[in-house]
Amino acid sequence: MKECKIILEGEESTQMKAIALLIQKASAFRSNIHIQSGEKRANAKSLLGLMTLGLTAGSEICLLIDGPDEEEAMETLRTWLQNPVLE
């Protein structure tokens, strides 16, 4: 299992698009990917789950990844979350 803490960057006005792109990126991997914010944890491949976390710019999250492609998933998602490019 891989684990990494990240401070979310970005603007509040683009938050929903960033969440949609995060789901898309996470869904490309076979590993189980979760995001934890405070005491709450959600599947990073679930829109409803991520929305329950109430993520905003400046939130500290913990990215938790476990599975066959966890190394690649961690590198990809960590890099993107540290500098989200809204495509």
N, C-alpha and C. Protein backbone atom coordinates (compact mmCIF):
# COMPACT_ATOMS: atom_id res chain seq x y z
N MET A 1 0.84 -1.18 0.00
CA MET A 1 0.00 0.00 0.00
C MET A 1 0.88 1.24 0.00
N LYS A 2 0.50 2.20 -0.81
CA LYS A 2 1.20 3.48 -0.90
C LYS A 2 0.33 4.55 -0.27
N GLU A 3 0.97 5.53 0.38
CA GLU A 3 0.25 6.59 1.08
C GLU A 3 1.01 7.89 0.90
N CYS A 4 0.26 8.99 0.68
CA CYS A 4 0.90 10.28 0.44
C CYS A 4 -0.04 11.40 0.87
N LYS A 5 0.48 12.39 1.62
CA LYS A 5 -0.32 13.55 2.00
C LYS A 5 -0.09 14.67 0.99
N ILE A 6 -1.18 15.36 0.66
CA ILE A 6 -1.13 16.41 -0.36
C ILE A 6 -2.04 17.56 0.08
N ILE A 7 -1.63 18.79 -0.20
CA ILE A 7 -2.49 19.96 -0.03
C ILE A 7 -3.07 20.27 -1.41
N LEU A 8 -4.39 20.32 -1.49
CA LEU A 8 -5.04 20.56 -2.78
C LEU A 8 -4.82 22.00 -3.23
N GLU A 9 -4.50 22.14 -4.49
CA GLU A 9 -4.31 23.46 -5.11
C GLU A 9 -5.46 23.71 -6.07
N GLY A 10 -5.58 24.94 -6.52
CA GLY A 10 -6.60 25.26 -7.51
C GLY A 10 -7.56 26.31 -7.01
N GLU A 11 -8.51 26.66 -7.86
CA GLU A 11 -9.49 27.68 -7.54
C GLU A 11 -10.83 27.04 -7.25
N GLU A 12 -11.60 27.66 -6.37
CA GLU A 12 -12.91 27.12 -5.99
C GLU A 12 -13.83 27.01 -7.21
N SER A 13 -13.71 27.93 -8.16
CA SER A 13 -14.61 27.95 -9.31
C SER A 13 -14.41 26.74 -10.23
N THR A 14 -13.28 26.07 -10.14
CA THR A 14 -13.00 24.93 -11.01
C THR A 14 -13.04 23.61 -10.24
N GLN A 15 -13.51 23.63 -9.01
CA GLN A 15 -13.47 22.46 -8.14
C GLN A 15 -14.17 21.24 -8.73
N MET A 16 -15.38 21.39 -9.26
CA MET A 16 -16.12 20.24 -9.80
C MET A 16 -15.42 19.63 -11.01
N LYS A 17 -14.87 20.46 -11.85
CA LYS A 17 -14.14 19.93 -13.00
C LYS A 17 -12.90 19.16 -12.54
N ALA A 18 -12.22 19.68 -11.53
CA ALA A 18 -11.04 18.99 -11.00
C ALA A 18 -11.42 17.64 -10.42
N ILE A 19 -12.54 17.56 -9.71
CA ILE A 19 -12.99 16.29 -9.15
C ILE A 19 -13.33 15.31 -10.26
N ALA A 20 -14.00 15.78 -11.31
CA ALA A 20 -14.33 14.91 -12.44
C ALA A 20 -13.07 14.37 -13.10
N LEU A 21 -12.07 15.20 -13.26
CA LEU A 21 -10.81 14.75 -13.87
C LEU A 21 -10.05 13.79 -12.96
N LEU A 22 -10.11 14.03 -11.65
CA LEU A 22 -9.48 13.11 -10.70
C LEU A 22 -10.11 11.73 -10.81
N ILE A 23 -11.42 11.67 -10.88
CA ILE A 23 -12.12 10.39 -11.03
C ILE A 23 -11.69 9.69 -12.31
N GLN A 24 -11.61 10.46 -13.39
CA GLN A 24 -11.20 9.90 -14.69
C GLN A 24 -9.78 9.34 -14.61
N LYS A 25 -8.88 10.08 -13.99
CA LYS A 25 -7.49 9.62 -13.87
C LYS A 25 -7.39 8.39 -12.96
N ALA A 26 -8.09 8.41 -11.83
CA ALA A 26 -8.07 7.28 -10.90
C ALA A 26 -8.66 6.02 -11.53
N SER A 27 -9.69 6.19 -12.34
CA SER A 27 -10.38 5.05 -12.96
C SER A 27 -9.52 4.34 -14.00
N ALA A 28 -8.44 4.98 -14.42
CA ALA A 28 -7.55 4.37 -15.41
C ALA A 28 -6.68 3.27 -14.79
N PHE A 29 -6.68 3.18 -13.45
CA PHE A 29 -5.83 2.21 -12.76
C PHE A 29 -6.66 1.09 -12.14
N ARG A 30 -6.04 -0.09 -12.04
CA ARG A 30 -6.72 -1.25 -11.44
C ARG A 30 -6.67 -1.24 -9.92
N SER A 31 -5.73 -0.53 -9.36
CA SER A 31 -5.58 -0.46 -7.90
C SER A 31 -6.80 0.17 -7.23
N ASN A 32 -6.97 -0.16 -5.95
CA ASN A 32 -7.98 0.51 -5.12
C ASN A 32 -7.38 1.84 -4.71
N ILE A 33 -8.12 2.92 -4.96
CA ILE A 33 -7.62 4.26 -4.68
C ILE A 33 -8.64 4.98 -3.80
N HIS A 34 -8.18 5.44 -2.66
CA HIS A 34 -9.05 6.17 -1.73
C HIS A 34 -8.41 7.50 -1.37
N ILE A 35 -9.28 8.45 -1.04
CA ILE A 35 -8.82 9.74 -0.56
C ILE A 35 -9.41 9.92 0.83
N GLN A 36 -8.55 10.31 1.75
CA GLN A 36 -9.00 10.55 3.12
C GLN A 36 -8.81 12.02 3.44
N SER A 37 -9.85 12.60 4.01
CA SER A 37 -9.81 14.00 4.45
C SER A 37 -10.37 14.02 5.87
N GLY A 38 -9.51 14.29 6.83
CA GLY A 38 -9.93 14.23 8.22
C GLY A 38 -10.29 12.79 8.57
N GLU A 39 -11.47 12.59 9.11
CA GLU A 39 -11.93 11.25 9.49
C GLU A 39 -12.69 10.55 8.36
N LYS A 40 -12.95 11.27 7.26
CA LYS A 40 -13.73 10.70 6.16
C LYS A 40 -12.82 10.10 5.09
N ARG A 41 -13.27 9.01 4.51
CA ARG A 41 -12.53 8.34 3.44
C ARG A 41 -13.51 8.00 2.32
N ALA A 42 -13.06 8.18 1.06
CA ALA A 42 -13.92 7.90 -0.07
C ALA A 42 -13.12 7.26 -1.20
N ASN A 43 -13.82 6.47 -2.00
CA ASN A 43 -13.25 5.87 -3.20
C ASN A 43 -12.99 6.99 -4.21
N ALA A 44 -11.77 7.09 -4.70
CA ALA A 44 -11.41 8.15 -5.64
C ALA A 44 -12.02 7.95 -7.02
N LYS A 45 -12.69 6.83 -7.22
CA LYS A 45 -13.34 6.56 -8.51
C LYS A 45 -14.84 6.84 -8.43
N SER A 46 -15.30 7.41 -7.32
CA SER A 46 -16.72 7.64 -7.07
C SER A 46 -17.02 9.12 -6.90
N LEU A 47 -17.84 9.68 -7.79
CA LEU A 47 -18.22 11.09 -7.69
C LEU A 47 -18.94 11.36 -6.38
N LEU A 48 -19.91 10.55 -6.06
CA LEU A 48 -20.67 10.75 -4.83
C LEU A 48 -19.76 10.66 -3.61
N GLY A 49 -18.86 9.67 -3.62
CA GLY A 49 -17.94 9.52 -2.51
C GLY A 49 -17.06 10.75 -2.32
N LEU A 50 -16.49 11.25 -3.40
CA LEU A 50 -15.62 12.42 -3.30
C LEU A 50 -16.39 13.67 -2.89
N MET A 51 -17.62 13.79 -3.34
CA MET A 51 -18.43 14.95 -2.96
C MET A 51 -18.71 14.97 -1.46
N THR A 52 -18.82 13.80 -0.84
CA THR A 52 -19.09 13.76 0.60
C THR A 52 -17.90 14.25 1.42
N LEU A 53 -16.72 14.30 0.82
CA LEU A 53 -15.53 14.77 1.53
C LEU A 53 -15.51 16.30 1.68
N GLY A 54 -16.24 17.01 0.81
CA GLY A 54 -16.26 18.47 0.88
C GLY A 54 -14.90 19.08 0.60
N LEU A 55 -14.20 18.56 -0.39
CA LEU A 55 -12.85 19.04 -0.70
C LEU A 55 -12.87 20.46 -1.25
N THR A 56 -11.94 21.27 -0.79
CA THR A 56 -11.78 22.63 -1.28
C THR A 56 -10.30 22.92 -1.44
N ALA A 57 -9.98 23.99 -2.15
CA ALA A 57 -8.58 24.38 -2.30
C ALA A 57 -7.99 24.62 -0.91
N GLY A 58 -6.83 24.09 -0.68
CA GLY A 58 -6.17 24.23 0.61
C GLY A 58 -6.42 23.06 1.55
N SER A 59 -7.35 22.15 1.18
CA SER A 59 -7.61 20.98 2.02
C SER A 59 -6.40 20.05 2.00
N GLU A 60 -6.09 19.46 3.14
CA GLU A 60 -5.04 18.43 3.20
C GLU A 60 -5.73 17.07 3.07
N ILE A 61 -5.27 16.28 2.13
CA ILE A 61 -5.82 14.94 1.92
C ILE A 61 -4.71 13.92 2.03
N CYS A 62 -5.12 12.69 2.21
CA CYS A 62 -4.18 11.57 2.19
C CYS A 62 -4.63 10.65 1.06
N LEU A 63 -3.75 10.41 0.13
CA LEU A 63 -4.01 9.53 -1.01
C LEU A 63 -3.55 8.13 -0.62
N LEU A 64 -4.45 7.15 -0.68
CA LEU A 64 -4.17 5.77 -0.29
C LEU A 64 -4.39 4.86 -1.49
N ILE A 65 -3.38 4.14 -1.90
CA ILE A 65 -3.47 3.31 -3.10
C ILE A 65 -2.92 1.92 -2.79
N ASP A 66 -3.70 0.90 -3.18
CA ASP A 66 -3.29 -0.47 -2.95
C ASP A 66 -3.69 -1.32 -4.16
N GLY A 67 -2.71 -1.96 -4.78
CA GLY A 67 -3.02 -2.82 -5.91
C GLY A 67 -1.84 -3.04 -6.83
N PRO A 68 -2.10 -3.70 -7.94
CA PRO A 68 -1.02 -4.11 -8.84
C PRO A 68 -0.29 -2.97 -9.54
N ASP A 69 -0.95 -1.83 -9.71
CA ASP A 69 -0.29 -0.70 -10.39
C ASP A 69 -0.19 0.51 -9.46
N GLU A 70 -0.02 0.24 -8.16
CA GLU A 70 -0.02 1.31 -7.16
C GLU A 70 1.11 2.32 -7.34
N GLU A 71 2.28 1.86 -7.77
CA GLU A 71 3.42 2.77 -7.97
C GLU A 71 3.09 3.81 -9.05
N GLU A 72 2.63 3.32 -10.19
CA GLU A 72 2.29 4.22 -11.31
C GLU A 72 1.12 5.11 -10.94
N ALA A 73 0.12 4.56 -10.28
CA ALA A 73 -1.05 5.34 -9.88
C ALA A 73 -0.64 6.45 -8.92
N MET A 74 0.19 6.14 -7.94
CA MET A 74 0.62 7.15 -6.97
C MET A 74 1.38 8.28 -7.65
N GLU A 75 2.31 7.93 -8.50
CA GLU A 75 3.09 8.96 -9.18
C GLU A 75 2.20 9.85 -10.05
N THR A 76 1.31 9.25 -10.81
CA THR A 76 0.42 10.00 -11.70
C THR A 76 -0.51 10.91 -10.92
N LEU A 77 -1.19 10.36 -9.92
CA LEU A 77 -2.18 11.14 -9.18
C LEU A 77 -1.53 12.19 -8.29
N ARG A 78 -0.44 11.85 -7.65
CA ARG A 78 0.25 12.83 -6.80
C ARG A 78 0.73 14.02 -7.63
N THR A 79 1.35 13.73 -8.75
CA THR A 79 1.84 14.79 -9.63
C THR A 79 0.69 15.68 -10.09
N TRP A 80 -0.42 15.05 -10.52
CA TRP A 80 -1.56 15.83 -11.01
C TRP A 80 -2.21 16.64 -9.89
N LEU A 81 -2.39 16.04 -8.71
CA LEU A 81 -3.02 16.75 -7.60
C LEU A 81 -2.18 17.95 -7.12
N GLN A 82 -0.88 17.86 -7.24
CA GLN A 82 -0.02 18.96 -6.82
C GLN A 82 -0.04 20.11 -7.81
N ASN A 83 -0.43 19.83 -9.04
CA ASN A 83 -0.53 20.87 -10.07
C ASN A 83 -1.62 20.47 -11.05
N PRO A 84 -2.90 20.57 -10.64
CA PRO A 84 -3.98 20.11 -11.51
C PRO A 84 -4.11 20.95 -12.78
N VAL A 85 -4.06 20.26 -13.90
CA VAL A 85 -4.26 20.90 -15.19
C VAL A 85 -5.64 20.50 -15.66
N LEU A 86 -6.52 21.49 -15.79
CA LEU A 86 -7.89 21.22 -16.19
C LEU A 86 -7.94 21.18 -17.71
N GLU A 87 -8.06 20.01 -18.25
CA GLU A 87 -8.00 19.77 -19.69
C GLU A 87 -9.30 20.14 -20.37
